């Protein structure tokens, strides 16, 4: 997972130790935030950088 630019639902579910349906909800929420900012998104995937920023509050290396 460390070298991926985009995370899929399995990556998010495993990383956060949550169910796959909950991971889909999180990805959908993050992608909606990115869409509102004018970014292009891919359904079922989320930018690793944005995911880490939201999870860690931007303190991740």
PDB file of N, CA and C in Angstrom:
ATOM      1  N   UNK A   1       0.820  -1.187   0.000  1.00  0.00           N
ATOM      2  CA  UNK A   1       0.000   0.000   0.000  1.00  0.00           C
ATOM      3  C   UNK A   1       0.868   1.256   0.000  1.00  0.00           C
ATOM      4  N   UNK A   2       2.079   1.186   0.437  1.00  0.00           N
ATOM      5  CA  UNK A   2       2.920   2.369   0.595  1.00  0.00           C
ATOM      6  C   UNK A   2       3.284   3.036  -0.719  1.00  0.00           C
ATOM      7  N   UNK A   3       3.362   2.287  -1.803  1.00  0.00           N
ATOM      8  CA  UNK A   3       3.797   2.860  -3.071  1.00  0.00           C
ATOM      9  C   UNK A   3       2.638   3.248  -3.979  1.00  0.00           C
ATOM     10  N   UNK A   4       1.426   2.982  -3.572  1.00  0.00           N
ATOM     11  CA  UNK A   4       0.273   3.285  -4.405  1.00  0.00           C
ATOM     12  C   UNK A   4      -0.063   4.765  -4.349  1.00  0.00           C
ATOM     13  N   UNK A   5      -0.395   5.315  -5.484  1.00  0.00           N
ATOM     14  CA  UNK A   5      -0.828   6.708  -5.547  1.00  0.00           C
ATOM     15  C   UNK A   5      -2.307   6.832  -5.187  1.00  0.00           C
ATOM     16  N   UNK A   6      -3.095   5.817  -5.550  1.00  0.00           N
ATOM     17  CA  UNK A   6      -4.520   5.784  -5.231  1.00  0.00           C
ATOM     18  C   UNK A   6      -4.835   4.527  -4.442  1.00  0.00           C
ATOM     19  N   UNK A   7      -5.701   4.659  -3.451  1.00  0.00           N
ATOM     20  CA  UNK A   7      -6.107   3.531  -2.634  1.00  0.00           C
ATOM     21  C   UNK A   7      -7.469   3.040  -3.090  1.00  0.00           C
ATOM     22  N   UNK A   8      -7.650   1.732  -3.098  1.00  0.00           N
ATOM     23  CA  UNK A   8      -8.964   1.185  -3.422  1.00  0.00           C
ATOM     24  C   UNK A   8      -9.685   0.814  -2.131  1.00  0.00           C
ATOM     25  N   UNK A   9     -10.869   0.283  -2.251  1.00  0.00           N
ATOM     26  CA  UNK A   9     -11.705   0.012  -1.084  1.00  0.00           C
ATOM     27  C   UNK A   9     -11.060  -1.018  -0.157  1.00  0.00           C
ATOM     28  N   UNK A  10     -10.391  -2.000  -0.715  1.00  0.00           N
ATOM     29  CA  UNK A  10      -9.741  -3.013   0.123  1.00  0.00           C
ATOM     30  C   UNK A  10      -8.598  -2.406   0.931  1.00  0.00           C
ATOM     31  N   UNK A  11      -7.848  -1.500   0.314  1.00  0.00           N
ATOM     32  CA  UNK A  11      -6.756  -0.827   1.023  1.00  0.00           C
ATOM     33  C   UNK A  11      -7.290  -0.021   2.205  1.00  0.00           C
ATOM     34  N   UNK A  12      -8.347   0.744   1.966  1.00  0.00           N
ATOM     35  CA  UNK A  12      -8.924   1.588   3.022  1.00  0.00           C
ATOM     36  C   UNK A  12      -9.510   0.712   4.129  1.00  0.00           C
ATOM     37  N   UNK A  13     -10.224  -0.343   3.764  1.00  0.00           N
ATOM     38  CA  UNK A  13     -10.824  -1.234   4.757  1.00  0.00           C
ATOM     39  C   UNK A  13      -9.750  -1.890   5.621  1.00  0.00           C
ATOM     40  N   UNK A  14      -8.698  -2.355   4.996  1.00  0.00           N
ATOM     41  CA  UNK A  14      -7.622  -3.009   5.735  1.00  0.00           C
ATOM     42  C   UNK A  14      -6.884  -2.006   6.609  1.00  0.00           C
ATOM     43  N   UNK A  15      -6.588  -0.845   6.079  1.00  0.00           N
ATOM     44  CA  UNK A  15      -5.832   0.164   6.807  1.00  0.00           C
ATOM     45  C   UNK A  15      -6.577   0.647   8.049  1.00  0.00           C
ATOM     46  N   UNK A  16      -7.889   0.868   7.902  1.00  0.00           N
ATOM     47  CA  UNK A  16      -8.682   1.405   9.000  1.00  0.00           C
ATOM     48  C   UNK A  16      -9.343   0.313   9.839  1.00  0.00           C
ATOM     49  N   UNK A  17      -9.158  -0.953   9.424  1.00  0.00           N
ATOM     50  CA  UNK A  17      -9.752  -2.101  10.100  1.00  0.00           C
ATOM     51  C   UNK A  17     -11.270  -1.948  10.214  1.00  0.00           C
ATOM     52  N   UNK A  18     -11.882  -1.691   9.053  1.00  0.00           N
ATOM     53  CA  UNK A  18     -13.328  -1.515   8.968  1.00  0.00           C
ATOM     54  C   UNK A  18     -13.869  -2.420   7.868  1.00  0.00           C
ATOM     55  N   UNK A  19     -15.189  -2.488   7.766  1.00  0.00           N
ATOM     56  CA  UNK A  19     -15.818  -3.308   6.736  1.00  0.00           C
ATOM     57  C   UNK A  19     -15.683  -2.640   5.368  1.00  0.00           C
ATOM     58  N   UNK A  20     -15.839  -3.429   4.335  1.00  0.00           N
ATOM     59  CA  UNK A  20     -15.770  -2.916   2.969  1.00  0.00           C
ATOM     60  C   UNK A  20     -16.879  -1.897   2.697  1.00  0.00           C
ATOM     61  N   UNK A  21     -18.141  -2.155   3.122  1.00  0.00           N
ATOM     62  CA  UNK A  21     -19.172  -1.135   2.891  1.00  0.00           C
ATOM     63  C   UNK A  21     -18.844   0.211   3.563  1.00  0.00           C
ATOM     64  N   UNK A  22     -18.273   0.163   4.750  1.00  0.00           N
ATOM     65  CA  UNK A  22     -17.899   1.407   5.427  1.00  0.00           C
ATOM     66  C   UNK A  22     -16.750   2.096   4.687  1.00  0.00           C
ATOM     67  N   UNK A  23     -15.835   1.326   4.150  1.00  0.00           N
ATOM     68  CA  UNK A  23     -14.732   1.899   3.376  1.00  0.00           C
ATOM     69  C   UNK A  23     -15.273   2.595   2.124  1.00  0.00           C
ATOM     70  N   UNK A  24     -16.287   1.999   1.483  1.00  0.00           N
ATOM     71  CA  UNK A  24     -16.907   2.649   0.330  1.00  0.00           C
ATOM     72  C   UNK A  24     -17.510   3.991   0.721  1.00  0.00           C
ATOM     73  N   UNK A  25     -18.152   4.058   1.880  1.00  0.00           N
ATOM     74  CA  UNK A  25     -18.741   5.311   2.349  1.00  0.00           C
ATOM     75  C   UNK A  25     -17.673   6.383   2.569  1.00  0.00           C
ATOM     76  N   UNK A  26     -16.555   5.980   3.139  1.00  0.00           N
ATOM     77  CA  UNK A  26     -15.472   6.927   3.390  1.00  0.00           C
ATOM     78  C   UNK A  26     -14.886   7.423   2.071  1.00  0.00           C
ATOM     79  N   UNK A  27     -14.633   6.502   1.135  1.00  0.00           N
ATOM     80  CA  UNK A  27     -14.095   6.896  -0.171  1.00  0.00           C
ATOM     81  C   UNK A  27     -15.068   7.834  -0.879  1.00  0.00           C
ATOM     82  N   UNK A  28     -16.357   7.520  -0.835  1.00  0.00           N
ATOM     83  CA  UNK A  28     -17.362   8.370  -1.467  1.00  0.00           C
ATOM     84  C   UNK A  28     -17.355   9.774  -0.857  1.00  0.00           C
ATOM     85  N   UNK A  29     -17.250   9.857   0.465  1.00  0.00           N
ATOM     86  CA  UNK A  29     -17.226  11.152   1.156  1.00  0.00           C
ATOM     87  C   UNK A  29     -15.988  11.955   0.753  1.00  0.00           C
ATOM     88  N   UNK A  30     -14.836  11.318   0.760  1.00  0.00           N
ATOM     89  CA  UNK A  30     -13.606  12.014   0.396  1.00  0.00           C
ATOM     90  C   UNK A  30     -13.636  12.460  -1.070  1.00  0.00           C
ATOM     91  N   UNK A  31     -14.150  11.601  -1.945  1.00  0.00           N
ATOM     92  CA  UNK A  31     -14.234  11.968  -3.360  1.00  0.00           C
ATOM     93  C   UNK A  31     -15.212  13.115  -3.582  1.00  0.00           C
ATOM     94  N   UNK A  32     -16.298  13.157  -2.826  1.00  0.00           N
ATOM     95  CA  UNK A  32     -17.237  14.271  -2.933  1.00  0.00           C
ATOM     96  C   UNK A  32     -16.575  15.582  -2.494  1.00  0.00           C
ATOM     97  N   UNK A  33     -15.742  15.515  -1.464  1.00  0.00           N
ATOM     98  CA  UNK A  33     -15.008  16.699  -1.027  1.00  0.00           C
ATOM     99  C   UNK A  33     -14.060  17.170  -2.131  1.00  0.00           C
ATOM    100  N   UNK A  34     -13.380  16.223  -2.769  1.00  0.00           N
ATOM    101  CA  UNK A  34     -12.457  16.578  -3.846  1.00  0.00           C
ATOM    102  C   UNK A  34     -13.202  17.156  -5.048  1.00  0.00           C
ATOM    103  N   UNK A  35     -14.359  16.577  -5.378  1.00  0.00           N
ATOM    104  CA  UNK A  35     -15.168  17.101  -6.473  1.00  0.00           C
ATOM    105  C   UNK A  35     -15.594  18.540  -6.203  1.00  0.00           C
ATOM    106  N   UNK A  36     -15.974  18.819  -4.970  1.00  0.00           N
ATOM    107  CA  UNK A  36     -16.390  20.170  -4.600  1.00  0.00           C
ATOM    108  C   UNK A  36     -15.244  21.169  -4.739  1.00  0.00           C
ATOM    109  N   UNK A  37     -14.009  20.674  -4.646  1.00  0.00           N
ATOM    110  CA  UNK A  37     -12.833  21.526  -4.809  1.00  0.00           C
ATOM    111  C   UNK A  37     -12.388  21.624  -6.270  1.00  0.00           C
ATOM    112  N   UNK A  38     -13.090  20.907  -7.150  1.00  0.00           N
ATOM    113  CA  UNK A  38     -12.796  20.994  -8.568  1.00  0.00           C
ATOM    114  C   UNK A  38     -11.850  19.934  -9.100  1.00  0.00           C
ATOM    115  N   UNK A  39     -11.547  18.913  -8.309  1.00  0.00           N
ATOM    116  CA  UNK A  39     -10.638  17.859  -8.748  1.00  0.00           C
ATOM    117  C   UNK A  39     -11.405  16.750  -9.461  1.00  0.00           C
ATOM    118  N   UNK A  40     -10.735  16.038 -10.330  1.00  0.00           N
ATOM    119  CA  UNK A  40     -11.287  14.835 -10.957  1.00  0.00           C
ATOM    120  C   UNK A  40     -11.077  13.668 -10.008  1.00  0.00           C
ATOM    121  N   UNK A  41     -12.051  12.783  -9.946  1.00  0.00           N
ATOM    122  CA  UNK A  41     -11.936  11.616  -9.080  1.00  0.00           C
ATOM    123  C   UNK A  41     -12.317  10.365  -9.853  1.00  0.00           C
ATOM    124  N   UNK A  42     -11.905   9.224  -9.329  1.00  0.00           N
ATOM    125  CA  UNK A  42     -12.253   7.927  -9.896  1.00  0.00           C
ATOM    126  C   UNK A  42     -13.081   7.191  -8.852  1.00  0.00           C
ATOM    127  N   UNK A  43     -14.244   6.734  -9.229  1.00  0.00           N
ATOM    128  CA  UNK A  43     -15.124   6.027  -8.300  1.00  0.00           C
ATOM    129  C   UNK A  43     -14.417   4.789  -7.756  1.00  0.00           C
ATOM    130  N   UNK A  44     -14.528   4.585  -6.440  1.00  0.00           N
ATOM    131  CA  UNK A  44     -13.930   3.407  -5.817  1.00  0.00           C
ATOM    132  C   UNK A  44     -12.468   3.560  -5.479  1.00  0.00           C
ATOM    133  N   UNK A  45     -11.908   4.725  -5.750  1.00  0.00           N
ATOM    134  CA  UNK A  45     -10.496   4.984  -5.431  1.00  0.00           C
ATOM    135  C   UNK A  45     -10.384   6.382  -4.852  1.00  0.00           C
ATOM    136  N   UNK A  46      -9.380   6.556  -4.006  1.00  0.00           N
ATOM    137  CA  UNK A  46      -9.152   7.866  -3.416  1.00  0.00           C
ATOM    138  C   UNK A  46      -7.651   8.139  -3.415  1.00  0.00           C
ATOM    139  N   UNK A  47      -7.304   9.383  -3.583  1.00  0.00           N
ATOM    140  CA  UNK A  47      -5.907   9.788  -3.553  1.00  0.00           C
ATOM    141  C   UNK A  47      -5.296   9.418  -2.207  1.00  0.00           C
ATOM    142  N   UNK A  48      -4.180   8.740  -2.253  1.00  0.00           N
ATOM    143  CA  UNK A  48      -3.505   8.341  -1.018  1.00  0.00           C
ATOM    144  C   UNK A  48      -3.106   9.560  -0.208  1.00  0.00           C
ATOM    145  N   UNK A  49      -2.615  10.588  -0.863  1.00  0.00           N
ATOM    146  CA  UNK A  49      -2.186  11.805  -0.175  1.00  0.00           C
ATOM    147  C   UNK A  49      -3.354  12.466   0.546  1.00  0.00           C
ATOM    148  N   UNK A  50      -4.500  12.571  -0.140  1.00  0.00           N
ATOM    149  CA  UNK A  50      -5.669  13.197   0.469  1.00  0.00           C
ATOM    150  C   UNK A  50      -6.202  12.338   1.619  1.00  0.00           C
ATOM    151  N   UNK A  51      -6.216  11.033   1.430  1.00  0.00           N
ATOM    152  CA  UNK A  51      -6.667  10.117   2.482  1.00  0.00           C
ATOM    153  C   UNK A  51      -5.813  10.288   3.733  1.00  0.00           C
ATOM    154  N   UNK A  52      -4.505  10.283   3.569  1.00  0.00           N
ATOM    155  CA  UNK A  52      -3.602  10.423   4.716  1.00  0.00           C
ATOM    156  C   UNK A  52      -3.749  11.790   5.363  1.00  0.00           C
ATOM    157  N   UNK A  53      -3.964  12.816   4.567  1.00  0.00           N
ATOM    158  CA  UNK A  53      -4.160  14.152   5.112  1.00  0.00           C
ATOM    159  C   UNK A  53      -5.414  14.189   5.997  1.00  0.00           C
ATOM    160  N   UNK A  54      -6.490  13.562   5.534  1.00  0.00           N
ATOM    161  CA  UNK A  54      -7.728  13.563   6.291  1.00  0.00           C
ATOM    162  C   UNK A  54      -7.639  12.682   7.534  1.00  0.00           C
ATOM    163  N   UNK A  55      -6.912  11.574   7.429  1.00  0.00           N
ATOM    164  CA  UNK A  55      -6.798  10.654   8.562  1.00  0.00           C
ATOM    165  C   UNK A  55      -5.816  11.189   9.606  1.00  0.00           C
ATOM    166  N   UNK A  56      -4.686  11.699   9.139  1.00  0.00           N
ATOM    167  CA  UNK A  56      -3.640  12.153  10.058  1.00  0.00           C
ATOM    168  C   UNK A  56      -3.650  13.664  10.294  1.00  0.00           C
ATOM    169  N   UNK A  57      -4.508  14.376   9.620  1.00  0.00           N
ATOM    170  CA  UNK A  57      -4.540  15.818   9.781  1.00  0.00           C
ATOM    171  C   UNK A  57      -3.369  16.531   9.112  1.00  0.00           C
ATOM    172  N   UNK A  58      -2.796  15.914   8.087  1.00  0.00           N
ATOM    173  CA  UNK A  58      -1.712  16.554   7.347  1.00  0.00           C
ATOM    174  C   UNK A  58      -0.360  16.409   8.002  1.00  0.00           C
ATOM    175  N   UNK A  59      -0.237  15.560   9.025  1.00  0.00           N
ATOM    176  CA  UNK A  59       1.034  15.418   9.706  1.00  0.00           C
ATOM    177  C   UNK A  59       1.823  14.192   9.252  1.00  0.00           C
ATOM    178  N   UNK A  60       1.316  13.512   8.240  1.00  0.00           N
ATOM    179  CA  UNK A  60       1.986  12.317   7.745  1.00  0.00           C
ATOM    180  C   UNK A  60       3.124  12.700   6.809  1.00  0.00           C
ATOM    181  N   UNK A  61       4.202  11.971   6.886  1.00  0.00           N
ATOM    182  CA  UNK A  61       5.375  12.241   6.046  1.00  0.00           C
ATOM    183  C   UNK A  61       5.183  11.753   4.634  1.00  0.00           C
TER     184      UNK A  61
END
